[in-house]
Structures are given as structure tokens and as C-alpha cells.
Protein backbone atom coordinates (compact mmCIF):
# COMPACT_ATOMS: atom_id res chain seq x y z
CA MET A 1 -10.68 -69.53 26.23
CA THR A 2 -12.26 -69.43 22.77
CA ALA A 3 -10.89 -71.11 19.69
CA PRO A 4 -9.59 -68.81 16.95
CA GLN A 5 -12.13 -68.15 14.24
CA ALA A 6 -11.37 -69.96 11.00
CA ARG A 7 -10.66 -67.76 8.01
CA ARG A 8 -13.49 -67.98 5.52
CA LEU A 9 -13.13 -67.08 1.88
CA ILE A 10 -16.19 -66.34 -0.24
CA THR A 11 -16.71 -66.09 -3.99
CA ALA A 12 -17.43 -62.99 -6.04
CA GLU A 13 -21.05 -64.08 -6.33
CA GLU A 14 -21.39 -64.35 -2.55
CA LEU A 15 -19.74 -60.96 -2.09
CA ALA A 16 -22.11 -59.36 -4.60
CA ASP A 17 -25.06 -60.73 -2.62
CA LEU A 18 -23.64 -59.51 0.70
CA LEU A 19 -22.93 -56.00 -0.60
CA ALA A 20 -26.14 -55.84 -2.68
CA VAL A 21 -24.22 -54.91 -5.82
CA SER A 22 -23.88 -56.58 -9.19
CA LEU A 23 -21.30 -59.21 -9.98
CA THR A 24 -19.91 -56.82 -12.59
CA THR A 25 -19.32 -54.20 -9.88
CA VAL A 26 -17.48 -56.73 -7.70
CA ARG A 27 -15.26 -57.84 -10.57
CA ARG A 28 -14.50 -54.27 -11.68
CA SER A 29 -13.71 -53.11 -8.14
CA THR A 30 -11.47 -56.14 -7.61
CA ARG A 31 -9.50 -55.42 -10.79
CA ARG A 32 -9.08 -51.79 -9.69
CA GLY A 33 -7.68 -52.89 -6.33
CA GLU A 34 -10.55 -51.33 -4.37
CA TYR A 35 -11.09 -54.36 -2.12
CA PRO A 36 -8.24 -54.84 0.37
CA PHE A 37 -9.86 -58.11 1.44
CA ALA A 38 -9.50 -59.70 -2.03
CA VAL A 39 -7.19 -62.72 -2.18
CA ASN A 40 -5.90 -64.10 -5.49
CA LEU A 41 -5.63 -67.87 -5.26
CA GLY A 42 -4.58 -68.14 -8.90
CA THR A 43 -1.85 -66.42 -10.88
CA PRO A 44 -1.58 -62.86 -12.19
CA GLN A 45 -2.42 -64.20 -15.65
CA ARG A 46 -5.33 -66.36 -14.41
CA PRO A 47 -6.62 -64.89 -11.16
CA ARG A 48 -9.03 -66.83 -8.96
CA TRP A 49 -10.37 -64.20 -6.60
CA ARG A 50 -11.81 -65.00 -3.21
CA TYR A 51 -12.71 -62.58 -0.44
CA ASP A 52 -11.62 -62.86 3.19
CA THR A 53 -14.70 -62.36 5.39
CA GLN A 54 -12.72 -61.22 8.45
CA ARG A 55 -11.02 -58.46 6.46
CA LEU A 56 -14.34 -57.67 4.75
CA ASP A 57 -15.97 -57.09 8.16
CA ARG A 58 -13.17 -54.68 9.14
CA TRP A 59 -13.47 -52.89 5.78
CA ILE A 60 -17.23 -52.45 6.26
CA ASP A 61 -16.69 -51.14 9.81
CA SER A 62 -14.08 -48.63 8.61
CA ARG A 63 -16.44 -47.33 5.94
CA ARG A 64 -19.30 -47.13 8.42
CA HIS A 65 -17.21 -45.07 10.86
CA GLY A 66 -15.36 -42.97 8.30
CA PHE A 67 -11.85 -43.26 6.99
């Protein structure tokens, strides 16, 4: 039996590196609600966005295989 994988949250900078896009693109796409794996750890007035790597992997797979 394997242990459940711990949820890992990454920063916008790390996401930009992983996706090979600019930090501006990550921030804009997050504000537009284009990343279903984005998690706001702050408030609506002062968001602190992090990105769930498990959900990111599923999102990448869905885009790779079509919607």
C-alpha cells in the first residue's frame, strides 16, 4: 500500500517556469479564472494565489488529450 501523495502548492513564479510563459501571463490568466488549479490563500481583496500541482497535472493531461 502506498501513502497518499501530499498536496503541493507552487507560486506564480514556479508555474510560469513550468509552463514556459511569462509571470504576467500567469497573473492575467489567474485573474480571468482560466486556471482551475489556482487556490486563493488570501482574501478576495488581497489574493495570495498558489497553484495545486495535482490539479495542474490533470489540467495539462486534459489539454494534451483534447477537451
